[in-house]
Amino acid sequence: MGVAATVALAATWTSGPTRHKSAPGGAPAYIADWRRSQLGTWKVVLRWQRTANGSHLDDQIRIAQRPPDRLSVAAGSVEARQGDRNLACATGEDGRLRCRDAGPAPPYDQDVNAGEGVLRQQLLGPKRLYDVTATGAHCYDFRLRVNYPAPPYGRQARFCFDEATGAPTLRDVQQPPGRDLQEAISVSGQVDDANLAPPPGISG
């Protein structure tokens, strides 16, 4: 999960009834790995599969990051940041995807700190949403511990990070009525300007 997506969850997080008094030790380790991932330089190609109500979608997600620059391309959409500017990308009437300057982005470290703050609300303390268990090197299981509408990581989930680069290598979120699975096909710590440029066919 990227910085912007994590921060967006802050607006919907509320406390609820709890079942346990203390969080398992996996949560601090997960937060540390998440932060390392956000601050690292890497590129990854993920196979994306979504199943719900008998339907099945298959695609690829390509993410390149060299803070503060970041580019994510998935299912015909693009999310991008270049330096201190956000880009907004949308498909025009001619079917082509175009990107434009969407205004200033917050300082990158500030964005990461805000995302970490949201995670701490969700994963630590007596009012946390999830119990987190470390299941291996840089891999974590999430289990929802309260009744919560549209939980951000489903009823249960698993997340993994690449040991060498910190890149996300697995995101497996399960909740009725389906499953959202992202698995890394390739990971690299080498990122150049071309990896961070909008894909061919997108005009500014």
N, C-alpha and C. Protein backbone atom coordinates (compact mmCIF):
# COMPACT_ATOMS: atom_id res chain seq x y z
N MET A 1 0.85 -1.18 0.00
CA MET A 1 0.00 0.00 0.00
C MET A 1 0.88 1.23 0.00
N GLY A 2 0.58 2.23 -0.90
CA GLY A 2 1.35 3.45 -0.98
C GLY A 2 0.98 4.44 0.09
N VAL A 3 1.75 5.55 0.12
CA VAL A 3 1.53 6.57 1.15
C VAL A 3 0.14 7.16 1.04
N ALA A 4 -0.25 7.58 -0.18
CA ALA A 4 -1.53 8.28 -0.34
C ALA A 4 -2.69 7.40 0.09
N ALA A 5 -2.63 6.12 -0.29
CA ALA A 5 -3.73 5.22 0.07
C ALA A 5 -3.82 5.03 1.57
N THR A 6 -2.68 4.93 2.23
CA THR A 6 -2.70 4.76 3.68
C THR A 6 -3.24 5.98 4.37
N VAL A 7 -2.81 7.17 3.95
CA VAL A 7 -3.28 8.40 4.56
C VAL A 7 -4.77 8.56 4.37
N ALA A 8 -5.29 8.16 3.20
CA ALA A 8 -6.71 8.30 2.93
C ALA A 8 -7.56 7.52 3.93
N LEU A 9 -7.03 6.44 4.45
CA LEU A 9 -7.78 5.63 5.40
C LEU A 9 -7.99 6.33 6.73
N ALA A 10 -7.21 7.36 7.00
CA ALA A 10 -7.34 8.05 8.28
C ALA A 10 -8.72 8.64 8.45
N ALA A 11 -9.32 9.08 7.36
CA ALA A 11 -10.62 9.72 7.44
C ALA A 11 -11.72 8.75 7.84
N THR A 12 -11.51 7.43 7.64
CA THR A 12 -12.56 6.46 7.91
C THR A 12 -12.28 5.63 9.15
N TRP A 13 -11.11 5.80 9.78
CA TRP A 13 -10.76 4.96 10.93
C TRP A 13 -11.49 5.46 12.17
N THR A 14 -12.16 4.55 12.86
CA THR A 14 -12.79 4.87 14.14
C THR A 14 -12.56 3.72 15.08
N SER A 15 -12.69 3.97 16.34
CA SER A 15 -12.49 2.90 17.31
C SER A 15 -13.72 2.04 17.42
N GLY A 16 -13.55 0.83 17.96
CA GLY A 16 -14.67 -0.08 18.12
C GLY A 16 -14.40 -0.97 19.31
N PRO A 17 -15.28 -1.93 19.57
CA PRO A 17 -15.07 -2.82 20.70
C PRO A 17 -13.83 -3.67 20.51
N THR A 18 -13.14 -3.98 21.58
CA THR A 18 -11.91 -4.76 21.50
C THR A 18 -12.10 -6.13 22.12
N ARG A 19 -11.20 -7.06 21.73
CA ARG A 19 -11.27 -8.42 22.26
C ARG A 19 -10.04 -8.78 23.08
N HIS A 20 -8.93 -8.07 22.86
CA HIS A 20 -7.68 -8.41 23.53
C HIS A 20 -7.08 -7.15 24.14
N LYS A 21 -6.16 -7.34 25.06
CA LYS A 21 -5.59 -6.20 25.77
C LYS A 21 -4.29 -5.71 25.16
N SER A 22 -3.58 -6.57 24.42
CA SER A 22 -2.29 -6.15 23.88
C SER A 22 -2.11 -6.71 22.48
N ALA A 23 -1.38 -5.95 21.65
CA ALA A 23 -1.16 -6.35 20.26
C ALA A 23 0.01 -7.31 20.16
N PRO A 24 -0.08 -8.33 19.28
CA PRO A 24 1.07 -9.20 19.04
C PRO A 24 2.24 -8.39 18.51
N GLY A 25 3.46 -8.93 18.68
CA GLY A 25 4.66 -8.18 18.33
C GLY A 25 4.88 -7.94 16.85
N GLY A 26 4.05 -8.52 15.99
CA GLY A 26 4.27 -8.34 14.56
C GLY A 26 3.99 -6.95 14.07
N ALA A 27 3.15 -6.18 14.75
CA ALA A 27 2.75 -4.87 14.26
C ALA A 27 3.92 -3.89 14.15
N PRO A 28 4.75 -3.72 15.19
CA PRO A 28 5.89 -2.80 15.04
C PRO A 28 6.83 -3.19 13.91
N ALA A 29 7.06 -4.49 13.73
CA ALA A 29 7.94 -4.94 12.66
C ALA A 29 7.32 -4.63 11.29
N TYR A 30 5.99 -4.83 11.16
CA TYR A 30 5.33 -4.51 9.91
C TYR A 30 5.44 -3.02 9.61
N ILE A 31 5.20 -2.19 10.60
CA ILE A 31 5.27 -0.74 10.38
C ILE A 31 6.68 -0.34 9.95
N ALA A 32 7.69 -0.94 10.55
CA ALA A 32 9.07 -0.64 10.16
C ALA A 32 9.34 -1.06 8.72
N ASP A 33 8.85 -2.24 8.32
CA ASP A 33 9.03 -2.69 6.94
C ASP A 33 8.26 -1.80 5.97
N TRP A 34 7.06 -1.39 6.35
CA TRP A 34 6.27 -0.49 5.49
C TRP A 34 7.01 0.81 5.29
N ARG A 35 7.54 1.37 6.36
CA ARG A 35 8.26 2.65 6.24
C ARG A 35 9.50 2.49 5.36
N ARG A 36 10.24 1.40 5.56
CA ARG A 36 11.41 1.15 4.71
C ARG A 36 11.00 1.05 3.24
N SER A 37 9.87 0.42 2.98
CA SER A 37 9.38 0.29 1.61
C SER A 37 9.08 1.65 1.01
N GLN A 38 8.45 2.52 1.78
CA GLN A 38 8.08 3.84 1.27
C GLN A 38 9.29 4.71 0.99
N LEU A 39 10.37 4.52 1.73
CA LEU A 39 11.56 5.35 1.58
C LEU A 39 12.59 4.76 0.62
N GLY A 40 12.36 3.54 0.15
CA GLY A 40 13.34 2.86 -0.69
C GLY A 40 13.21 3.18 -2.17
N THR A 41 14.24 2.82 -2.90
CA THR A 41 14.26 2.93 -4.37
C THR A 41 14.13 1.53 -4.94
N TRP A 42 13.07 1.29 -5.73
CA TRP A 42 12.81 -0.03 -6.27
C TRP A 42 11.79 0.05 -7.40
N LYS A 43 11.70 -1.03 -8.15
CA LYS A 43 10.62 -1.20 -9.12
C LYS A 43 10.15 -2.63 -9.01
N VAL A 44 8.86 -2.82 -9.25
CA VAL A 44 8.28 -4.15 -9.11
C VAL A 44 7.15 -4.31 -10.12
N VAL A 45 7.02 -5.52 -10.65
CA VAL A 45 5.87 -5.90 -11.46
C VAL A 45 5.09 -6.94 -10.67
N LEU A 46 3.82 -6.68 -10.46
CA LEU A 46 2.96 -7.57 -9.68
C LEU A 46 1.87 -8.15 -10.55
N ARG A 47 1.65 -9.43 -10.43
CA ARG A 47 0.48 -10.04 -11.06
C ARG A 47 -0.72 -9.79 -10.15
N TRP A 48 -1.77 -9.24 -10.72
CA TRP A 48 -2.96 -8.88 -9.93
C TRP A 48 -4.13 -9.76 -10.34
N GLN A 49 -4.75 -10.39 -9.35
CA GLN A 49 -5.94 -11.22 -9.57
C GLN A 49 -7.02 -10.81 -8.58
N ARG A 50 -8.21 -10.59 -9.09
CA ARG A 50 -9.34 -10.28 -8.22
C ARG A 50 -10.49 -11.24 -8.53
N THR A 51 -11.00 -11.90 -7.50
CA THR A 51 -12.15 -12.78 -7.64
C THR A 51 -13.25 -12.28 -6.72
N ALA A 52 -14.46 -12.21 -7.26
CA ALA A 52 -15.61 -11.74 -6.47
C ALA A 52 -16.89 -12.18 -7.15
N ASN A 53 -17.77 -12.80 -6.39
CA ASN A 53 -19.09 -13.20 -6.89
C ASN A 53 -18.99 -14.01 -8.17
N GLY A 54 -18.01 -14.88 -8.24
CA GLY A 54 -17.87 -15.75 -9.40
C GLY A 54 -17.14 -15.13 -10.58
N SER A 55 -16.82 -13.84 -10.52
CA SER A 55 -16.09 -13.19 -11.61
C SER A 55 -14.59 -13.19 -11.30
N HIS A 56 -13.78 -13.04 -12.35
CA HIS A 56 -12.33 -13.11 -12.19
C HIS A 56 -11.68 -12.07 -13.10
N LEU A 57 -10.78 -11.26 -12.51
CA LEU A 57 -10.02 -10.27 -13.27
C LEU A 57 -8.53 -10.57 -13.11
N ASP A 58 -7.78 -10.38 -14.21
CA ASP A 58 -6.34 -10.64 -14.23
C ASP A 58 -5.64 -9.46 -14.88
N ASP A 59 -4.60 -8.94 -14.28
CA ASP A 59 -3.86 -7.83 -14.89
C ASP A 59 -2.48 -7.77 -14.25
N GLN A 60 -1.72 -6.73 -14.60
CA GLN A 60 -0.43 -6.47 -14.00
C GLN A 60 -0.40 -5.07 -13.41
N ILE A 61 0.35 -4.91 -12.34
CA ILE A 61 0.61 -3.61 -11.74
C ILE A 61 2.10 -3.36 -11.82
N ARG A 62 2.48 -2.21 -12.34
CA ARG A 62 3.89 -1.84 -12.43
C ARG A 62 4.12 -0.59 -11.58
N ILE A 63 5.03 -0.69 -10.65
CA ILE A 63 5.33 0.42 -9.76
C ILE A 63 6.83 0.67 -9.78
N ALA A 64 7.20 1.94 -9.95
CA ALA A 64 8.61 2.34 -9.84
C ALA A 64 8.68 3.49 -8.85
N GLN A 65 9.68 3.45 -7.98
CA GLN A 65 9.80 4.45 -6.93
C GLN A 65 11.25 4.84 -6.72
N ARG A 66 11.48 6.13 -6.70
CA ARG A 66 12.79 6.71 -6.36
C ARG A 66 12.47 8.02 -5.66
N PRO A 67 12.19 7.93 -4.36
CA PRO A 67 11.63 9.08 -3.64
C PRO A 67 12.38 10.39 -3.93
N PRO A 68 11.56 11.46 -4.18
CA PRO A 68 10.11 11.51 -4.04
C PRO A 68 9.32 11.09 -5.28
N ASP A 69 10.00 10.63 -6.34
CA ASP A 69 9.30 10.26 -7.57
C ASP A 69 8.69 8.88 -7.45
N ARG A 70 7.51 8.73 -8.06
CA ARG A 70 6.82 7.45 -8.01
C ARG A 70 5.87 7.36 -9.19
N LEU A 71 5.77 6.16 -9.79
CA LEU A 71 4.85 5.91 -10.89
C LEU A 71 4.22 4.55 -10.69
N SER A 72 2.89 4.51 -10.75
CA SER A 72 2.14 3.25 -10.64
C SER A 72 1.19 3.16 -11.82
N VAL A 73 1.29 2.05 -12.55
CA VAL A 73 0.44 1.82 -13.73
C VAL A 73 -0.30 0.52 -13.53
N ALA A 74 -1.64 0.59 -13.58
CA ALA A 74 -2.46 -0.61 -13.37
C ALA A 74 -3.81 -0.43 -14.02
N ALA A 75 -4.24 -1.47 -14.73
CA ALA A 75 -5.59 -1.52 -15.31
C ALA A 75 -5.93 -0.25 -16.09
N GLY A 76 -4.96 0.25 -16.87
CA GLY A 76 -5.22 1.41 -17.71
C GLY A 76 -5.19 2.73 -16.99
N SER A 77 -4.86 2.74 -15.70
CA SER A 77 -4.80 4.00 -14.95
C SER A 77 -3.37 4.26 -14.49
N VAL A 78 -3.08 5.52 -14.24
CA VAL A 78 -1.74 5.92 -13.83
C VAL A 78 -1.84 6.83 -12.62
N GLU A 79 -0.99 6.57 -11.62
CA GLU A 79 -0.81 7.48 -10.49
C GLU A 79 0.66 7.86 -10.47
N ALA A 80 0.94 9.15 -10.39
CA ALA A 80 2.34 9.57 -10.51
C ALA A 80 2.63 10.80 -9.66
N ARG A 81 3.87 10.84 -9.21
CA ARG A 81 4.42 12.01 -8.55
C ARG A 81 5.80 12.25 -9.14
N GLN A 82 6.08 13.50 -9.51
CA GLN A 82 7.38 13.87 -10.03
C GLN A 82 7.90 15.03 -9.20
N GLY A 83 8.93 14.77 -8.41
CA GLY A 83 9.46 15.79 -7.54
C GLY A 83 8.43 16.25 -6.53
N ASP A 84 8.16 17.54 -6.51
CA ASP A 84 7.17 18.08 -5.58
C ASP A 84 5.82 18.32 -6.24
N ARG A 85 5.56 17.63 -7.36
CA ARG A 85 4.30 17.81 -8.09
C ARG A 85 3.58 16.47 -8.23
N ASN A 86 2.26 16.52 -8.07
CA ASN A 86 1.41 15.37 -8.38
C ASN A 86 0.96 15.45 -9.83
N LEU A 87 0.78 14.29 -10.46
CA LEU A 87 0.20 14.23 -11.80
C LEU A 87 -1.17 13.59 -11.71
N ALA A 88 -2.11 14.12 -12.48
CA ALA A 88 -3.44 13.53 -12.60
C ALA A 88 -3.58 12.97 -14.01
N CYS A 89 -3.96 11.71 -14.12
CA CYS A 89 -4.06 11.05 -15.42
C CYS A 89 -5.47 10.52 -15.63
N ALA A 90 -6.00 10.74 -16.83
CA ALA A 90 -7.35 10.28 -17.14
C ALA A 90 -7.46 10.00 -18.63
N THR A 91 -8.41 9.15 -18.99
CA THR A 91 -8.64 8.81 -20.39
C THR A 91 -9.53 9.86 -21.03
N GLY A 92 -9.10 10.40 -22.18
CA GLY A 92 -9.87 11.40 -22.90
C GLY A 92 -10.92 10.77 -23.80
N GLU A 93 -11.66 11.62 -24.51
CA GLU A 93 -12.71 11.14 -25.40
C GLU A 93 -12.16 10.28 -26.53
N ASP A 94 -10.89 10.49 -26.88
CA ASP A 94 -10.27 9.69 -27.94
C ASP A 94 -9.73 8.36 -27.43
N GLY A 95 -9.92 8.09 -26.13
CA GLY A 95 -9.46 6.83 -25.57
C GLY A 95 -8.02 6.83 -25.10
N ARG A 96 -7.31 7.94 -25.31
CA ARG A 96 -5.90 8.01 -24.88
C ARG A 96 -5.82 8.53 -23.46
N LEU A 97 -4.84 8.00 -22.74
CA LEU A 97 -4.62 8.41 -21.37
C LEU A 97 -3.69 9.61 -21.35
N ARG A 98 -4.12 10.69 -20.70
CA ARG A 98 -3.32 11.91 -20.65
C ARG A 98 -3.06 12.30 -19.20
N CYS A 99 -1.85 12.80 -18.96
CA CYS A 99 -1.45 13.22 -17.62
C CYS A 99 -1.22 14.73 -17.62
N ARG A 100 -1.62 15.36 -16.51
CA ARG A 100 -1.42 16.80 -16.36
C ARG A 100 -0.92 17.08 -14.95
N ASP A 101 -0.34 18.25 -14.79
CA ASP A 101 0.11 18.69 -13.47
C ASP A 101 -1.11 18.90 -12.59
N ALA A 102 -1.14 18.23 -11.43
CA ALA A 102 -2.28 18.33 -10.52
C ALA A 102 -1.96 19.17 -9.29
N GLY A 103 -0.85 19.88 -9.35
CA GLY A 103 -0.53 20.76 -8.23
C GLY A 103 0.55 20.21 -7.33
N PRO A 104 0.90 20.99 -6.32
CA PRO A 104 2.01 20.60 -5.43
C PRO A 104 1.67 19.39 -4.59
N ALA A 105 2.67 18.56 -4.36
CA ALA A 105 2.55 17.42 -3.45
C ALA A 105 3.15 17.81 -2.11
N PRO A 106 2.68 17.23 -1.02
CA PRO A 106 3.29 17.53 0.28
C PRO A 106 4.71 17.00 0.32
N PRO A 107 5.56 17.55 1.19
CA PRO A 107 6.91 17.00 1.34
C PRO A 107 6.84 15.49 1.55
N TYR A 108 7.74 14.78 0.87
CA TYR A 108 7.63 13.32 0.86
C TYR A 108 7.74 12.72 2.26
N ASP A 109 8.69 13.17 3.05
CA ASP A 109 8.85 12.64 4.40
C ASP A 109 7.60 12.90 5.24
N GLN A 110 6.99 14.05 5.04
CA GLN A 110 5.75 14.37 5.76
C GLN A 110 4.65 13.39 5.39
N ASP A 111 4.56 13.06 4.11
CA ASP A 111 3.57 12.11 3.62
C ASP A 111 3.78 10.73 4.26
N VAL A 112 5.04 10.29 4.30
CA VAL A 112 5.35 8.99 4.89
C VAL A 112 5.02 8.99 6.38
N ASN A 113 5.36 10.05 7.07
CA ASN A 113 5.07 10.14 8.50
C ASN A 113 3.56 10.08 8.77
N ALA A 114 2.79 10.74 7.91
CA ALA A 114 1.34 10.72 8.07
C ALA A 114 0.79 9.31 7.86
N GLY A 115 1.32 8.61 6.84
CA GLY A 115 0.89 7.23 6.60
C GLY A 115 1.24 6.32 7.75
N GLU A 116 2.43 6.51 8.33
CA GLU A 116 2.81 5.70 9.48
C GLU A 116 1.89 5.97 10.67
N GLY A 117 1.48 7.23 10.83
CA GLY A 117 0.56 7.56 11.92
C GLY A 117 -0.76 6.82 11.80
N VAL A 118 -1.26 6.70 10.57
CA VAL A 118 -2.51 5.97 10.36
C VAL A 118 -2.32 4.50 10.70
N LEU A 119 -1.21 3.91 10.26
CA LEU A 119 -0.94 2.51 10.57
C LEU A 119 -0.88 2.27 12.07
N ARG A 120 -0.27 3.18 12.80
CA ARG A 120 -0.18 3.02 14.24
C ARG A 120 -1.56 3.03 14.88
N GLN A 121 -2.47 3.84 14.36
CA GLN A 121 -3.85 3.81 14.85
C GLN A 121 -4.51 2.47 14.58
N GLN A 122 -4.26 1.94 13.39
CA GLN A 122 -4.95 0.73 12.96
C GLN A 122 -4.38 -0.55 13.58
N LEU A 123 -3.08 -0.54 13.92
CA LEU A 123 -2.40 -1.79 14.27
C LEU A 123 -1.87 -1.85 15.70
N LEU A 124 -1.85 -0.74 16.41
CA LEU A 124 -1.28 -0.72 17.76
C LEU A 124 -2.31 -0.24 18.77
N GLY A 125 -2.15 -0.68 20.01
CA GLY A 125 -2.98 -0.17 21.09
C GLY A 125 -4.28 -0.93 21.27
N PRO A 126 -4.99 -0.66 22.35
CA PRO A 126 -6.21 -1.41 22.68
C PRO A 126 -7.37 -1.19 21.72
N LYS A 127 -7.32 -0.11 20.91
CA LYS A 127 -8.41 0.16 19.97
C LYS A 127 -8.02 -0.16 18.53
N ARG A 128 -6.98 -0.96 18.36
CA ARG A 128 -6.51 -1.30 17.02
C ARG A 128 -7.58 -2.10 16.26
N LEU A 129 -7.52 -2.01 14.93
CA LEU A 129 -8.43 -2.76 14.08
C LEU A 129 -7.97 -4.20 13.87
N TYR A 130 -6.65 -4.40 13.78
CA TYR A 130 -6.11 -5.70 13.40
C TYR A 130 -5.08 -6.21 14.40
N ASP A 131 -5.04 -7.53 14.54
CA ASP A 131 -3.90 -8.20 15.14
C ASP A 131 -2.94 -8.57 14.02
N VAL A 132 -1.65 -8.37 14.26
CA VAL A 132 -0.63 -8.63 13.24
C VAL A 132 0.35 -9.66 13.77
N THR A 133 0.61 -10.68 12.96
CA THR A 133 1.55 -11.74 13.32
C THR A 133 2.62 -11.85 12.25
N ALA A 134 3.88 -11.84 12.64
CA ALA A 134 4.97 -12.08 11.69
C ALA A 134 5.00 -13.57 11.38
N THR A 135 4.94 -13.91 10.08
CA THR A 135 4.88 -15.32 9.68
C THR A 135 6.16 -15.80 9.02
N GLY A 136 7.11 -14.90 8.83
CA GLY A 136 8.37 -15.24 8.20
C GLY A 136 9.16 -13.96 8.02
N ALA A 137 10.27 -14.05 7.29
CA ALA A 137 11.10 -12.87 7.07
C ALA A 137 10.32 -11.84 6.25
N HIS A 138 9.95 -10.74 6.87
CA HIS A 138 9.28 -9.62 6.20
C HIS A 138 7.90 -9.99 5.66
N CYS A 139 7.24 -10.97 6.27
CA CYS A 139 5.87 -11.34 5.91
C CYS A 139 4.99 -11.27 7.16
N TYR A 140 3.71 -10.84 6.96
CA TYR A 140 2.83 -10.57 8.09
C TYR A 140 1.40 -10.96 7.76
N ASP A 141 0.75 -11.55 8.74
CA ASP A 141 -0.68 -11.84 8.64
C ASP A 141 -1.46 -10.82 9.45
N PHE A 142 -2.55 -10.31 8.84
CA PHE A 142 -3.47 -9.41 9.52
C PHE A 142 -4.77 -10.16 9.78
N ARG A 143 -5.35 -9.95 10.96
CA ARG A 143 -6.67 -10.52 11.25
C ARG A 143 -7.53 -9.46 11.93
N LEU A 144 -8.67 -9.18 11.33
CA LEU A 144 -9.57 -8.16 11.87
C LEU A 144 -10.09 -8.60 13.22
N ARG A 145 -10.07 -7.68 14.19
CA ARG A 145 -10.44 -8.04 15.55
C ARG A 145 -11.70 -7.34 16.05
N VAL A 146 -12.33 -6.51 15.23
CA VAL A 146 -13.55 -5.79 15.63
C VAL A 146 -14.54 -5.85 14.48
N ASN A 147 -15.79 -5.60 14.76
CA ASN A 147 -16.78 -5.42 13.71
C ASN A 147 -16.60 -4.03 13.11
N TYR A 148 -16.35 -3.99 11.81
CA TYR A 148 -16.01 -2.71 11.18
C TYR A 148 -16.48 -2.72 9.74
N PRO A 149 -17.26 -1.72 9.31
CA PRO A 149 -17.74 -1.68 7.92
C PRO A 149 -16.60 -1.39 6.95
N ALA A 150 -16.53 -2.13 5.88
CA ALA A 150 -15.49 -1.95 4.85
C ALA A 150 -14.10 -1.85 5.44
N PRO A 151 -13.63 -2.88 6.13
CA PRO A 151 -12.29 -2.82 6.74
C PRO A 151 -11.21 -2.63 5.68
N PRO A 152 -10.20 -1.79 5.95
CA PRO A 152 -9.22 -1.43 4.92
C PRO A 152 -8.40 -2.59 4.39
N TYR A 153 -8.18 -3.63 5.20
CA TYR A 153 -7.40 -4.79 4.77
C TYR A 153 -8.23 -6.07 4.80
N GLY A 154 -9.54 -5.94 4.62
CA GLY A 154 -10.41 -7.09 4.61
C GLY A 154 -10.55 -7.74 5.97
N ARG A 155 -11.12 -8.95 5.97
CA ARG A 155 -11.24 -9.70 7.22
C ARG A 155 -9.90 -10.29 7.65
N GLN A 156 -9.11 -10.65 6.65
CA GLN A 156 -7.75 -11.11 6.92
C GLN A 156 -6.89 -10.81 5.70
N ALA A 157 -5.59 -10.70 5.92
CA ALA A 157 -4.70 -10.33 4.81
C ALA A 157 -3.29 -10.80 5.12
N ARG A 158 -2.48 -10.87 4.08
CA ARG A 158 -1.06 -11.17 4.24
C ARG A 158 -0.27 -10.19 3.37
N PHE A 159 0.82 -9.66 3.93
CA PHE A 159 1.68 -8.73 3.23
C PHE A 159 3.13 -9.17 3.37
N CYS A 160 3.91 -9.06 2.28
CA CYS A 160 5.32 -9.39 2.31
C CYS A 160 6.12 -8.30 1.60
N PHE A 161 7.38 -8.15 2.01
CA PHE A 161 8.28 -7.17 1.42
C PHE A 161 9.58 -7.87 1.02
N ASP A 162 10.19 -7.37 -0.05
CA ASP A 162 11.47 -7.90 -0.51
C ASP A 162 12.57 -7.53 0.48
N GLU A 163 13.38 -8.51 0.86
CA GLU A 163 14.42 -8.28 1.86
C GLU A 163 15.47 -7.29 1.37
N ALA A 164 15.85 -7.38 0.10
CA ALA A 164 16.94 -6.55 -0.41
C ALA A 164 16.53 -5.10 -0.64
N THR A 165 15.33 -4.89 -1.20
CA THR A 165 14.94 -3.54 -1.61
C THR A 165 13.83 -2.92 -0.76
N GLY A 166 13.06 -3.74 -0.07
CA GLY A 166 11.90 -3.25 0.66
C GLY A 166 10.64 -3.18 -0.19
N ALA A 167 10.73 -3.54 -1.47
CA ALA A 167 9.56 -3.46 -2.35
C ALA A 167 8.47 -4.43 -1.89
N PRO A 168 7.20 -4.09 -2.10
CA PRO A 168 6.12 -5.03 -1.77
C PRO A 168 6.14 -6.21 -2.73
N THR A 169 6.06 -7.42 -2.20
CA THR A 169 6.08 -8.61 -3.05
C THR A 169 4.79 -9.43 -2.94
N LEU A 170 3.98 -9.18 -1.92
CA LEU A 170 2.71 -9.89 -1.78
C LEU A 170 1.71 -9.01 -1.05
N ARG A 171 0.51 -8.96 -1.61
CA ARG A 171 -0.62 -8.31 -0.95
C ARG A 171 -1.83 -9.20 -1.21
N ASP A 172 -2.28 -9.89 -0.18
CA ASP A 172 -3.37 -10.86 -0.30
C ASP A 172 -4.46 -10.47 0.69
N VAL A 173 -5.53 -9.85 0.20
CA VAL A 173 -6.60 -9.34 1.05
C VAL A 173 -7.86 -10.14 0.78
N GLN A 174 -8.45 -10.69 1.85
CA GLN A 174 -9.63 -11.55 1.71
C GLN A 174 -10.77 -11.02 2.57
N GLN A 175 -11.92 -10.92 1.93
CA GLN A 175 -13.14 -10.60 2.66
C GLN A 175 -14.31 -10.94 1.75
N PRO A 176 -15.45 -11.27 2.35
CA PRO A 176 -16.61 -11.54 1.52
C PRO A 176 -16.91 -10.31 0.66
N PRO A 177 -17.14 -10.48 -0.64
CA PRO A 177 -17.36 -11.78 -1.28
C PRO A 177 -16.19 -12.26 -2.13
N GLY A 178 -14.95 -11.80 -1.88
CA GLY A 178 -13.89 -12.22 -2.78
C GLY A 178 -12.50 -12.02 -2.21
N ARG A 179 -11.54 -11.96 -3.14
CA ARG A 179 -10.12 -11.91 -2.77
C ARG A 179 -9.38 -11.04 -3.77
N ASP A 180 -8.45 -10.24 -3.26
CA ASP A 180 -7.59 -9.39 -4.08
C ASP A 180 -6.15 -9.82 -3.83
N LEU A 181 -5.50 -10.37 -4.86
CA LEU A 181 -4.17 -10.94 -4.71
C LEU A 181 -3.19 -10.25 -5.66
N GLN A 182 -2.08 -9.76 -5.10
CA GLN A 182 -1.00 -9.19 -5.89
C GLN A 182 0.29 -9.92 -5.51
N GLU A 183 0.94 -10.53 -6.51
CA GLU A 183 2.18 -11.28 -6.29
C GLU A 183 3.26 -10.77 -7.22
N ALA A 184 4.45 -10.54 -6.70
CA ALA A 184 5.55 -10.00 -7.49
C ALA A 184 6.03 -11.00 -8.53
N ILE A 185 6.19 -10.51 -9.76
CA ILE A 185 6.80 -11.29 -10.84
C ILE A 185 8.28 -10.95 -10.95
N SER A 186 8.60 -9.66 -10.77
CA SER A 186 9.99 -9.23 -10.82
C SER A 186 10.19 -8.05 -9.87
N VAL A 187 11.38 -7.99 -9.29
CA VAL A 187 11.74 -6.92 -8.35
C VAL A 187 13.16 -6.48 -8.66
N SER A 188 13.41 -5.17 -8.61
CA SER A 188 14.75 -4.66 -8.84
C SER A 188 14.96 -3.40 -8.01
N GLY A 189 16.19 -3.18 -7.60
CA GLY A 189 16.55 -1.95 -6.91
C GLY A 189 17.12 -0.90 -7.84
N GLN A 190 17.15 -1.19 -9.15
CA GLN A 190 17.68 -0.26 -10.14
C GLN A 190 16.52 0.50 -10.79
N VAL A 191 16.45 1.80 -10.60
CA VAL A 191 15.39 2.63 -11.15
C VAL A 191 16.01 3.81 -11.87
N ASP A 192 15.66 4.00 -13.16
CA ASP A 192 16.17 5.14 -13.90
C ASP A 192 15.02 6.04 -14.33
N ASP A 193 15.33 7.12 -15.02
CA ASP A 193 14.30 8.09 -15.42
C ASP A 193 13.22 7.46 -16.29
N ALA A 194 13.62 6.53 -17.15
CA ALA A 194 12.65 5.89 -18.03
C ALA A 194 11.60 5.10 -17.25
N ASN A 195 12.00 4.49 -16.15
CA ASN A 195 11.05 3.72 -15.34
C ASN A 195 10.01 4.61 -14.69
N LEU A 196 10.32 5.89 -14.52
CA LEU A 196 9.44 6.82 -13.83
C LEU A 196 8.65 7.72 -14.79
N ALA A 197 8.88 7.55 -16.11
CA ALA A 197 8.16 8.34 -17.10
C ALA A 197 6.83 7.70 -17.42
N PRO A 198 5.79 8.51 -17.75
CA PRO A 198 4.51 7.93 -18.18
C PRO A 198 4.71 6.96 -19.33
N PRO A 199 3.91 5.92 -19.42
CA PRO A 199 4.08 4.90 -20.47
C PRO A 199 3.93 5.49 -21.87
N PRO A 200 4.48 4.83 -22.90
CA PRO A 200 4.30 5.27 -24.28
C PRO A 200 2.81 5.40 -24.61
N GLY A 201 2.49 6.41 -25.39
CA GLY A 201 1.09 6.61 -25.78
C GLY A 201 0.36 7.57 -24.89
N ILE A 202 0.99 8.01 -23.79
CA ILE A 202 0.36 8.99 -22.90
C ILE A 202 0.99 10.35 -23.18
N SER A 203 0.17 11.30 -23.50
CA SER A 203 0.68 12.63 -23.79
C SER A 203 0.37 13.57 -22.66
N GLY A 204 1.23 14.56 -22.48
CA GLY A 204 1.03 15.51 -21.40
C GLY A 204 0.16 16.68 -21.82
